[in-house]
Amino acid sequence: MKMRAEVVCVYGDERMSKTVAAAVSPDNLQVPEGLVISTVQKGRRVVSVVKLEGRAETLLATLDDLLACMLTSESML
């Protein structure tokens, strides 16, 4: 099954959104086959798109990991 999810977070200023986007951008580009993750900073927003051809459980686990990383980076700022 092909699935797509988009997570958009809005921050108080561009400096914070840039820092969060950098923190959650993957540094290991060897992701499982059928999974594509992209994160960009657009002004005060951080937009992450997850595309997956596979199981819904995998998409949910990936989104959970992404949100956990965002919360961690936010708490460090």
N, C-alpha and C. Protein backbone atom coordinates (compact mmCIF):
# COMPACT_ATOMS: atom_id res chain seq x y z
N MET A 1 0.83 -1.16 0.00
CA MET A 1 0.00 0.00 0.00
C MET A 1 0.89 1.25 0.00
N LYS A 2 0.55 2.23 -0.83
CA LYS A 2 1.28 3.49 -0.87
C LYS A 2 0.62 4.48 0.09
N MET A 3 1.45 5.11 0.93
CA MET A 3 0.95 6.06 1.91
C MET A 3 1.84 7.28 1.93
N ARG A 4 1.24 8.40 2.39
CA ARG A 4 1.98 9.65 2.49
C ARG A 4 1.45 10.40 3.71
N ALA A 5 2.37 10.97 4.47
CA ALA A 5 1.99 11.78 5.62
C ALA A 5 2.83 13.06 5.61
N GLU A 6 2.22 14.14 6.04
CA GLU A 6 2.92 15.42 6.12
C GLU A 6 2.76 15.97 7.53
N VAL A 7 3.87 16.34 8.13
CA VAL A 7 3.86 16.94 9.47
C VAL A 7 4.37 18.36 9.33
N VAL A 8 3.58 19.32 9.80
CA VAL A 8 3.95 20.73 9.74
C VAL A 8 3.96 21.29 11.16
N CYS A 9 5.09 21.85 11.57
CA CYS A 9 5.22 22.49 12.88
C CYS A 9 5.60 23.95 12.65
N VAL A 10 4.97 24.83 13.40
CA VAL A 10 5.23 26.27 13.29
C VAL A 10 5.90 26.74 14.57
N TYR A 11 7.00 27.48 14.42
CA TYR A 11 7.79 27.95 15.56
C TYR A 11 7.74 29.47 15.66
N GLY A 12 8.22 29.98 16.79
CA GLY A 12 8.17 31.41 17.06
C GLY A 12 9.04 32.25 16.15
N ASP A 13 10.14 31.68 15.68
CA ASP A 13 11.02 32.44 14.78
C ASP A 13 11.75 31.48 13.84
N GLU A 14 12.35 32.06 12.81
CA GLU A 14 13.03 31.24 11.79
C GLU A 14 14.26 30.54 12.33
N ARG A 15 14.93 31.14 13.30
CA ARG A 15 16.12 30.51 13.87
C ARG A 15 15.76 29.17 14.50
N MET A 16 14.67 29.15 15.24
CA MET A 16 14.26 27.91 15.89
C MET A 16 13.82 26.87 14.86
N SER A 17 13.06 27.30 13.86
CA SER A 17 12.61 26.33 12.84
C SER A 17 13.79 25.77 12.06
N LYS A 18 14.78 26.60 11.79
CA LYS A 18 15.96 26.13 11.07
C LYS A 18 16.73 25.10 11.89
N THR A 19 16.84 25.35 13.20
CA THR A 19 17.54 24.43 14.09
C THR A 19 16.82 23.10 14.20
N VAL A 20 15.49 23.13 14.35
CA VAL A 20 14.72 21.90 14.46
C VAL A 20 14.80 21.11 13.15
N ALA A 21 14.68 21.79 12.02
CA ALA A 21 14.76 21.12 10.72
C ALA A 21 16.10 20.42 10.55
N ALA A 22 17.17 21.09 10.95
CA ALA A 22 18.50 20.48 10.85
C ALA A 22 18.63 19.28 11.78
N ALA A 23 18.03 19.37 12.96
CA ALA A 23 18.14 18.29 13.93
C ALA A 23 17.40 17.04 13.49
N VAL A 24 16.29 17.19 12.78
CA VAL A 24 15.51 16.01 12.42
C VAL A 24 15.77 15.52 10.99
N SER A 25 16.57 16.25 10.25
CA SER A 25 16.90 15.78 8.91
C SER A 25 17.77 14.55 9.02
N PRO A 26 17.48 13.52 8.24
CA PRO A 26 18.24 12.27 8.38
C PRO A 26 19.70 12.45 8.00
N ASP A 27 20.58 11.91 8.86
CA ASP A 27 22.00 11.92 8.53
C ASP A 27 22.41 10.58 7.95
N ASN A 28 21.57 9.59 8.13
CA ASN A 28 21.81 8.27 7.55
C ASN A 28 20.84 8.11 6.38
N LEU A 29 21.34 8.24 5.20
CA LEU A 29 20.47 8.21 4.02
C LEU A 29 20.16 6.80 3.54
N GLN A 30 20.61 5.79 4.28
CA GLN A 30 20.29 4.41 3.93
C GLN A 30 19.00 4.02 4.67
N VAL A 31 17.88 4.37 4.07
CA VAL A 31 16.58 4.05 4.65
C VAL A 31 16.04 2.79 3.98
N PRO A 32 15.12 2.12 4.62
CA PRO A 32 14.55 0.92 4.02
C PRO A 32 13.93 1.20 2.65
N GLU A 33 13.96 0.21 1.80
CA GLU A 33 13.38 0.35 0.47
C GLU A 33 11.89 0.70 0.59
N GLY A 34 11.45 1.64 -0.22
CA GLY A 34 10.06 2.04 -0.22
C GLY A 34 9.74 3.17 0.74
N LEU A 35 10.75 3.67 1.48
CA LEU A 35 10.56 4.75 2.43
C LEU A 35 11.32 5.99 1.98
N VAL A 36 10.63 7.12 1.93
CA VAL A 36 11.26 8.39 1.57
C VAL A 36 10.85 9.41 2.64
N ILE A 37 11.84 10.08 3.22
CA ILE A 37 11.57 11.10 4.23
C ILE A 37 12.29 12.38 3.81
N SER A 38 11.56 13.48 3.81
CA SER A 38 12.19 14.77 3.52
C SER A 38 11.69 15.80 4.52
N THR A 39 12.60 16.66 4.96
CA THR A 39 12.27 17.73 5.90
C THR A 39 12.87 19.02 5.38
N VAL A 40 12.05 20.07 5.32
CA VAL A 40 12.52 21.38 4.89
C VAL A 40 12.01 22.45 5.85
N GLN A 41 12.76 23.51 5.91
CA GLN A 41 12.36 24.67 6.70
C GLN A 41 11.83 25.72 5.74
N LYS A 42 10.66 26.26 6.03
CA LYS A 42 10.03 27.30 5.21
C LYS A 42 9.61 28.42 6.14
N GLY A 43 10.48 29.39 6.29
CA GLY A 43 10.18 30.47 7.22
C GLY A 43 10.14 29.94 8.64
N ARG A 44 9.02 30.14 9.32
CA ARG A 44 8.87 29.66 10.69
C ARG A 44 8.35 28.23 10.76
N ARG A 45 8.13 27.63 9.60
CA ARG A 45 7.57 26.27 9.56
C ARG A 45 8.64 25.23 9.25
N VAL A 46 8.42 24.04 9.82
CA VAL A 46 9.22 22.86 9.46
C VAL A 46 8.23 21.86 8.87
N VAL A 47 8.49 21.45 7.64
CA VAL A 47 7.59 20.55 6.93
C VAL A 47 8.32 19.24 6.66
N SER A 48 7.77 18.17 7.19
CA SER A 48 8.34 16.83 6.95
C SER A 48 7.32 16.01 6.19
N VAL A 49 7.78 15.36 5.13
CA VAL A 49 6.92 14.49 4.33
C VAL A 49 7.50 13.08 4.38
N VAL A 50 6.64 12.14 4.71
CA VAL A 50 7.04 10.74 4.75
C VAL A 50 6.20 9.99 3.72
N LYS A 51 6.89 9.34 2.79
CA LYS A 51 6.21 8.51 1.78
C LYS A 51 6.67 7.08 1.99
N LEU A 52 5.71 6.17 1.93
CA LEU A 52 6.04 4.78 2.20
C LEU A 52 5.19 3.87 1.34
N GLU A 53 5.85 2.89 0.79
CA GLU A 53 5.14 1.79 0.15
C GLU A 53 5.40 0.58 1.04
N GLY A 54 4.40 0.24 1.83
CA GLY A 54 4.59 -0.84 2.79
C GLY A 54 3.42 -0.92 3.75
N ARG A 55 3.74 -1.22 5.00
CA ARG A 55 2.71 -1.44 6.02
C ARG A 55 2.40 -0.16 6.78
N ALA A 56 1.15 -0.01 7.18
CA ALA A 56 0.72 1.15 7.95
C ALA A 56 1.48 1.24 9.27
N GLU A 57 1.80 0.11 9.86
CA GLU A 57 2.54 0.10 11.12
C GLU A 57 3.91 0.76 10.97
N THR A 58 4.53 0.54 9.83
CA THR A 58 5.84 1.14 9.56
C THR A 58 5.72 2.65 9.46
N LEU A 59 4.68 3.12 8.79
CA LEU A 59 4.46 4.56 8.67
C LEU A 59 4.23 5.16 10.06
N LEU A 60 3.40 4.55 10.87
CA LEU A 60 3.12 5.07 12.20
C LEU A 60 4.38 5.09 13.07
N ALA A 61 5.19 4.06 13.00
CA ALA A 61 6.43 4.01 13.77
C ALA A 61 7.40 5.11 13.31
N THR A 62 7.46 5.35 12.00
CA THR A 62 8.33 6.39 11.46
C THR A 62 7.86 7.76 11.93
N LEU A 63 6.56 8.01 11.88
CA LEU A 63 6.02 9.29 12.35
C LEU A 63 6.26 9.47 13.85
N ASP A 64 6.12 8.41 14.60
CA ASP A 64 6.38 8.46 16.04
C ASP A 64 7.84 8.85 16.30
N ASP A 65 8.76 8.25 15.58
CA ASP A 65 10.19 8.58 15.72
C ASP A 65 10.45 10.04 15.34
N LEU A 66 9.85 10.49 14.25
CA LEU A 66 10.04 11.86 13.78
C LEU A 66 9.55 12.85 14.84
N LEU A 67 8.35 12.63 15.36
CA LEU A 67 7.80 13.54 16.36
C LEU A 67 8.61 13.51 17.65
N ALA A 68 9.11 12.36 18.04
CA ALA A 68 9.95 12.27 19.23
C ALA A 68 11.23 13.07 19.05
N CYS A 69 11.82 13.00 17.86
CA CYS A 69 13.03 13.78 17.58
C CYS A 69 12.75 15.27 17.58
N MET A 70 11.59 15.66 17.06
CA MET A 70 11.21 17.09 17.08
C MET A 70 11.04 17.57 18.51
N LEU A 71 10.35 16.79 19.33
CA LEU A 71 10.16 17.18 20.73
C LEU A 71 11.49 17.30 21.48
N THR A 72 12.39 16.37 21.19
CA THR A 72 13.71 16.42 21.85
C THR A 72 14.47 17.67 21.44
N SER A 73 14.47 17.98 20.15
CA SER A 73 15.20 19.16 19.69
C SER A 73 14.56 20.43 20.23
N GLU A 74 13.22 20.46 20.32
CA GLU A 74 12.55 21.63 20.88
C GLU A 74 12.92 21.82 22.35
N SER A 75 12.96 20.74 23.11
CA SER A 75 13.26 20.84 24.54
C SER A 75 14.70 21.29 24.78
N MET A 76 15.59 21.00 23.84
CA MET A 76 16.99 21.42 23.98
C MET A 76 17.16 22.91 23.69
N LEU A 77 16.22 23.49 22.98
CA LEU A 77 16.30 24.92 22.66
C LEU A 77 15.66 25.71 23.76
